[in-house]
Protein backbone atom coordinates (compact mmCIF):
# COMPACT_ATOMS: atom_id res chain seq x y z
CA MET A 1 49.32 -52.70 22.45
CA LYS A 2 46.54 -51.42 24.78
CA LYS A 3 46.78 -52.10 28.57
CA ILE A 4 43.45 -51.52 30.26
CA ILE A 5 43.41 -50.68 33.93
CA LEU A 6 39.78 -50.65 35.19
CA ILE A 7 39.21 -48.80 38.42
CA VAL A 8 36.11 -50.11 40.31
CA GLY A 9 34.59 -49.95 43.67
CA PRO A 10 31.63 -48.53 45.58
CA SER A 11 30.65 -44.83 45.36
CA GLY A 12 32.59 -42.78 47.74
CA SER A 13 35.60 -45.09 47.78
CA GLY A 14 37.74 -42.33 46.28
CA LYS A 15 38.34 -43.72 42.69
CA ASP A 16 38.10 -40.36 40.85
CA SER A 17 40.25 -38.39 43.28
CA LEU A 18 42.87 -41.14 43.02
CA ILE A 19 42.77 -41.34 39.23
CA LYS A 20 43.03 -37.49 39.01
CA TYR A 21 46.05 -37.57 41.19
CA VAL A 22 47.80 -40.34 39.03
CA SER A 23 46.84 -38.48 35.82
CA ASP A 24 48.95 -35.54 36.72
CA LYS A 25 52.11 -37.62 37.86
CA ILE A 26 52.54 -40.32 35.06
CA ASP A 27 52.09 -40.75 31.37
CA ILE A 28 48.70 -42.57 31.22
CA ASN A 29 45.52 -42.16 29.19
CA VAL A 30 42.70 -41.35 31.48
CA VAL A 31 39.64 -42.32 29.54
CA LYS A 32 36.59 -40.14 29.80
CA ARG A 33 33.17 -41.53 30.28
CA TYR A 34 29.95 -40.15 28.65
CA ILE A 35 27.19 -39.74 31.42
CA THR A 36 23.62 -38.79 31.21
CA ARG A 37 24.42 -36.37 34.35
CA LYS A 38 26.71 -33.51 34.62
CA PRO A 39 29.95 -34.34 36.24
CA ASP A 40 31.49 -32.88 39.43
CA ASN A 41 34.94 -31.44 39.83
CA ASN A 42 36.65 -34.67 40.46
CA GLU A 43 35.30 -36.56 37.43
CA PHE A 44 36.49 -37.15 34.05
CA ASN A 45 33.30 -37.10 32.09
CA TYR A 46 31.22 -35.81 29.18
CA PHE A 47 27.71 -34.94 29.62
CA VAL A 48 25.26 -36.27 27.02
CA ASP A 49 21.40 -36.29 27.26
CA MET A 50 19.49 -39.45 27.12
CA HIS A 51 18.63 -39.15 23.35
CA GLY A 52 22.27 -38.63 22.52
CA PHE A 53 23.27 -41.46 24.62
CA GLU A 54 20.91 -43.93 22.91
CA VAL A 55 22.01 -42.79 19.48
CA LEU A 56 25.80 -43.35 20.30
CA THR A 57 24.82 -46.72 21.78
CA ARG A 58 23.03 -47.82 18.71
CA SER A 59 25.87 -46.69 16.59
CA GLY A 60 28.37 -48.93 18.35
CA PHE A 61 30.30 -45.89 19.74
CA PHE A 62 30.79 -47.52 23.29
CA VAL A 63 32.86 -50.52 24.12
CA SER A 64 30.75 -50.85 27.34
CA THR A 65 27.59 -49.19 28.74
CA TRP A 66 25.84 -49.42 32.07
CA GLU A 67 23.15 -47.83 34.18
CA ALA A 68 23.53 -46.89 37.86
CA TYR A 69 21.31 -44.80 40.12
CA GLY A 70 19.23 -43.67 37.11
CA ASN A 71 22.12 -42.41 35.03
CA PHE A 72 23.70 -44.03 31.92
CA TYR A 73 27.47 -44.42 31.45
CA GLY A 74 29.47 -45.41 28.30
CA ILE A 75 33.09 -45.81 27.44
CA PRO A 76 33.90 -44.78 23.91
CA ILE A 77 35.89 -47.45 22.00
CA HIS A 78 38.07 -44.69 20.23
CA PHE A 79 39.17 -43.12 23.50
CA LEU A 80 41.31 -46.18 24.25
CA LYS A 81 44.90 -45.60 23.09
CA ASN A 82 48.05 -47.91 22.85
CA GLY A 83 49.78 -47.87 26.10
CA LYS A 84 48.25 -47.60 29.66
CA ASN A 85 44.57 -46.76 29.87
CA ILE A 86 42.97 -46.04 33.25
CA ILE A 87 39.15 -46.11 33.41
CA SER A 88 36.70 -45.76 36.10
CA VAL A 89 33.90 -48.18 35.42
CA SER A 90 31.10 -50.07 37.05
CA ARG A 91 31.87 -53.51 38.43
CA THR A 92 29.25 -54.71 35.98
CA ALA A 93 31.17 -53.51 33.04
CA ILE A 94 34.37 -55.45 33.70
CA GLN A 95 33.54 -58.45 31.35
CA ASP A 96 32.90 -56.17 28.48
CA PHE A 97 36.55 -55.08 28.49
CA GLU A 98 37.93 -58.60 29.23
CA LYS A 99 36.05 -60.07 26.28
CA ARG A 100 37.49 -57.43 23.90
CA PHE A 101 41.09 -56.80 25.18
CA ASN A 102 43.78 -59.22 26.29
CA ASP A 103 45.62 -56.97 28.93
CA VAL A 104 43.01 -56.05 31.42
CA ILE A 105 43.67 -55.50 35.08
CA THR A 106 40.90 -54.56 37.71
CA VAL A 107 41.78 -52.43 40.58
CA LEU A 108 39.08 -52.63 43.33
CA VAL A 109 39.27 -49.51 45.31
CA THR A 110 37.62 -50.10 48.71
CA ALA A 111 36.95 -48.39 52.03
CA ASP A 112 35.10 -49.25 55.08
CA LYS A 113 31.35 -48.16 55.18
CA GLU A 114 32.03 -45.38 57.69
CA THR A 115 34.73 -43.71 55.46
CA VAL A 116 32.47 -44.16 52.46
CA LEU A 117 29.54 -42.64 54.21
CA LYS A 118 31.67 -39.56 55.18
CA ARG A 119 32.94 -39.13 51.68
CA LEU A 120 29.42 -39.19 50.19
CA ASN A 121 28.28 -36.71 52.66
CA LEU A 122 31.06 -34.39 52.02
CA ARG A 123 30.53 -34.40 48.21
CA LYS A 124 26.99 -33.15 48.56
CA ARG A 125 25.87 -34.83 45.31
CA GLU A 126 23.11 -37.19 46.86
CA ASP A 127 20.50 -36.75 49.23
CA GLN A 128 20.23 -39.25 52.32
CA ASN A 129 17.95 -41.71 50.38
CA GLN A 130 20.43 -41.88 47.44
CA ILE A 131 23.43 -42.14 49.85
CA GLU A 132 21.61 -45.28 51.53
CA GLN A 133 21.06 -46.73 48.18
CA ARG A 134 24.63 -46.35 47.42
CA LEU A 135 25.76 -47.97 50.67
CA MET A 136 23.65 -50.94 49.94
CA ARG A 137 25.75 -51.65 46.89
CA HIS A 138 29.03 -51.25 48.85
CA THR A 139 29.86 -55.00 48.65
CA ILE A 140 28.23 -56.22 45.28
CA ASN A 141 29.85 -59.37 43.78
CA TYR A 142 31.60 -59.10 40.62
CA GLN A 143 33.83 -61.18 38.28
CA ALA A 144 37.25 -60.23 37.03
CA LYS A 145 40.14 -62.40 35.73
CA ASN A 146 42.91 -60.36 37.27
CA THR A 147 42.17 -58.18 40.43
CA VAL A 148 44.25 -56.15 42.63
CA VAL A 149 42.61 -54.66 45.80
CA PHE A 150 43.52 -51.20 47.05
CA LYS A 151 42.37 -50.19 50.44
CA ASN A 152 41.78 -46.36 50.53
CA GLU A 153 41.24 -45.78 54.20
CA ASP A 154 44.26 -43.66 54.80
CA SER A 155 44.47 -39.92 54.52
CA PHE A 156 44.49 -38.70 50.97
CA ASP A 157 48.19 -37.76 51.17
CA VAL A 158 49.11 -41.20 52.12
CA ALA A 159 46.62 -42.96 49.83
CA LYS A 160 47.47 -41.00 46.65
CA GLU A 161 51.29 -42.08 46.84
CA LYS A 162 50.42 -45.71 47.54
CA PHE A 163 47.99 -45.74 44.54
CA LEU A 164 50.48 -44.08 42.32
CA LYS A 165 53.06 -46.75 43.25
CA LEU A 166 50.42 -49.43 42.44
CA ILE A 167 49.60 -47.97 39.05
CA GLU A 168 53.20 -47.38 38.11
CA GLY A 169 53.76 -51.12 38.88
CA LEU A 170 51.05 -52.51 36.65
């Protein structure tokens, strides 16, 4: 049986760093995304150009797709395995998974705006205008049947261990 753990939250909340840490500590399938931008060092993604993304989407390759900040993201259905699957997705993609799978838990990773701003500036992926756009989406509404909130405002050394315990307990 597939257990789906969706990791959602605003850009800069630390989702990818937490997932990377957990993936090195426990037996869990980290589901890679296809994205129309090249990934940075903390992400688990495959780059695909826009034409390739459109072809894959039309062929039914993805269980869910979404657009964010001019980039397109997709989760391949065949990447999901029996057992625990952990996936970083948009809050807008939650219902795609809840419609197809019975065992879905959404973990909302949050951090205050000051912490998020600091992290976004440190990763140097976006310019100031793009960072402002990301901060405006900090608290968008979403719907999920089963949500756990994880506040990621501690030091990474503290947060990673708390997150590991959370994921092990799910």
